[in-house]
Amino acid sequence: MVRMRLVAGAAFVALTLGIAPMGTLMGLPAAQAQNLGQRVVNGVVLDASSTAVSGATVFLKNTKTKTIRSYTSTADGKFRFAQVNMSDDYDLWAEKDGKKSASKTISSWDTRKEVESELKFK
């Protein structure tokens, strides 16, 4: 509520002075407004020798809601998550046979509509 008043107040002052309100789009800061919508997160799962890993479970965890989506990598090690909300942050990792890849972060500040990632087992 306070933030909305500040944004509205800043817009009023800017318009009164004849200046276009910078950084606002329907009350949202510009950096946030760019990231409304969906993205695709895809990539490949690799073993230590950079060979594609088939049948690995790839996890995509929303760090805010803690919901987790999963995908089983294809024969060529590929995975794909569609309709990933651009305004949320996510952790991405793969697991298979007790091994786990390093976790990667997908940030809401990243404006790419398609994020490609390589998940590698050690």
Protein backbone atom coordinates (compact mmCIF):
# COMPACT_ATOMS: atom_id res chain seq x y z
CA MET A 1 0.00 0.00 0.00
CA VAL A 2 2.76 2.44 0.94
CA ARG A 3 4.79 1.47 -2.13
CA MET A 4 1.81 2.07 -4.41
CA ARG A 5 1.32 5.53 -2.88
CA LEU A 6 5.00 6.34 -3.41
CA VAL A 7 4.91 5.20 -7.03
CA ALA A 8 1.68 7.08 -7.66
CA GLY A 9 3.10 10.16 -5.91
CA ALA A 10 6.29 10.04 -7.98
CA ALA A 11 4.26 9.71 -11.17
CA PHE A 12 2.09 12.69 -10.18
CA VAL A 13 5.14 14.86 -9.45
CA ALA A 14 6.80 13.84 -12.71
CA LEU A 15 3.68 14.56 -14.74
CA THR A 16 3.20 17.89 -12.97
CA LEU A 17 6.74 18.88 -13.90
CA GLY A 18 6.21 17.68 -17.47
CA ILE A 19 8.58 14.74 -17.10
CA ALA A 20 7.62 11.22 -18.14
CA PRO A 21 7.77 8.99 -15.05
CA MET A 22 10.89 6.87 -15.54
CA GLY A 23 10.84 3.27 -14.40
CA THR A 24 7.12 2.83 -14.06
CA LEU A 25 4.76 0.71 -16.07
CA MET A 26 1.35 0.42 -14.48
CA GLY A 27 2.93 1.02 -11.06
CA LEU A 28 5.78 -1.50 -11.38
CA PRO A 29 9.48 -0.61 -11.46
CA ALA A 30 10.97 -1.03 -14.96
CA ALA A 31 13.19 -4.00 -13.99
CA GLN A 32 10.19 -5.86 -12.64
CA ALA A 33 7.90 -4.90 -15.53
CA GLN A 34 10.27 -6.47 -18.08
CA ASN A 35 9.99 -9.86 -16.44
CA LEU A 36 6.27 -10.36 -16.64
CA GLY A 37 5.48 -13.48 -18.60
CA GLN A 38 6.80 -16.95 -19.19
CA ARG A 39 10.13 -18.43 -20.22
CA VAL A 40 11.53 -21.80 -21.24
CA VAL A 41 14.30 -23.47 -19.24
CA ASN A 42 16.15 -26.21 -21.12
CA GLY A 43 19.53 -27.84 -21.36
CA VAL A 44 21.47 -31.05 -21.05
CA VAL A 45 22.62 -33.35 -18.26
CA LEU A 46 26.23 -34.57 -18.54
CA ASP A 47 28.45 -36.95 -16.59
CA ALA A 48 32.02 -36.15 -15.47
CA SER A 49 33.39 -37.04 -18.93
CA SER A 50 30.84 -34.75 -20.66
CA THR A 51 28.73 -37.63 -21.97
CA ALA A 52 24.96 -37.10 -22.08
CA VAL A 53 23.07 -38.75 -19.20
CA SER A 54 19.79 -40.41 -20.10
CA GLY A 55 17.12 -40.94 -17.44
CA ALA A 56 18.36 -38.35 -14.94
CA THR A 57 15.68 -36.54 -12.98
CA VAL A 58 15.96 -32.77 -13.41
CA PHE A 59 14.35 -30.60 -10.73
CA LEU A 60 13.15 -27.01 -11.01
CA LYS A 61 12.29 -25.55 -7.59
CA ASN A 62 10.53 -22.21 -7.11
CA THR A 63 12.48 -20.65 -4.23
CA LYS A 64 9.47 -18.60 -3.05
CA THR A 65 6.65 -21.16 -3.13
CA LYS A 66 8.93 -24.23 -2.71
CA THR A 67 7.01 -26.05 -5.47
CA ILE A 68 9.13 -28.46 -7.49
CA ARG A 69 8.68 -29.58 -11.08
CA SER A 70 10.61 -32.52 -12.49
CA TYR A 71 11.59 -33.86 -15.89
CA THR A 72 13.38 -37.06 -16.91
CA SER A 73 16.24 -36.37 -19.32
CA THR A 74 15.89 -37.86 -22.79
CA ALA A 75 18.23 -40.37 -24.46
CA ASP A 76 20.50 -37.49 -25.51
CA GLY A 77 20.48 -36.00 -21.97
CA LYS A 78 18.18 -33.10 -22.78
CA PHE A 79 15.48 -31.57 -20.57
CA ARG A 80 12.90 -28.81 -21.04
CA PHE A 81 10.57 -26.86 -18.76
CA ALA A 82 8.01 -24.62 -20.48
CA GLN A 83 5.85 -21.89 -18.91
CA VAL A 84 8.34 -20.91 -16.21
CA ASN A 85 7.26 -17.67 -14.54
CA MET A 86 9.84 -14.94 -15.19
CA SER A 87 8.98 -13.04 -12.00
CA ASP A 88 10.13 -15.89 -9.71
CA ASP A 89 13.55 -17.29 -8.79
CA TYR A 90 14.34 -20.99 -9.27
CA ASP A 91 16.94 -23.60 -8.35
CA LEU A 92 17.78 -26.17 -11.05
CA TRP A 93 19.65 -29.46 -10.54
CA ALA A 94 19.77 -33.10 -11.68
CA GLU A 95 19.98 -36.42 -9.82
CA LYS A 96 20.61 -40.01 -10.86
CA ASP A 97 21.87 -43.14 -9.08
CA GLY A 98 22.63 -41.23 -5.87
CA LYS A 99 24.61 -38.54 -7.68
CA LYS A 100 23.58 -34.90 -7.76
CA SER A 101 24.74 -32.09 -10.03
CA ALA A 102 25.59 -28.65 -8.72
CA SER A 103 22.51 -26.47 -8.31
CA LYS A 104 22.08 -23.48 -10.62
CA THR A 105 19.98 -20.42 -9.91
CA ILE A 106 17.62 -18.88 -12.43
CA SER A 107 16.97 -15.33 -11.32
CA SER A 108 13.91 -13.18 -11.86
CA TRP A 109 16.39 -10.45 -12.85
CA ASP A 110 17.40 -12.53 -15.89
CA THR A 111 15.37 -11.14 -18.80
CA ARG A 112 15.99 -14.01 -21.24
CA LYS A 113 12.86 -15.74 -22.55
CA GLU A 114 14.90 -18.94 -23.02
CA VAL A 115 17.47 -20.08 -20.47
CA GLU A 116 19.85 -22.87 -21.45
CA SER A 117 21.79 -24.72 -18.78
CA GLU A 118 24.30 -27.55 -18.58
CA LEU A 119 23.97 -29.74 -15.48
CA LYS A 120 27.06 -31.82 -14.86
CA PHE A 121 27.69 -34.68 -12.42
CA LYS A 122 31.11 -34.73 -10.78
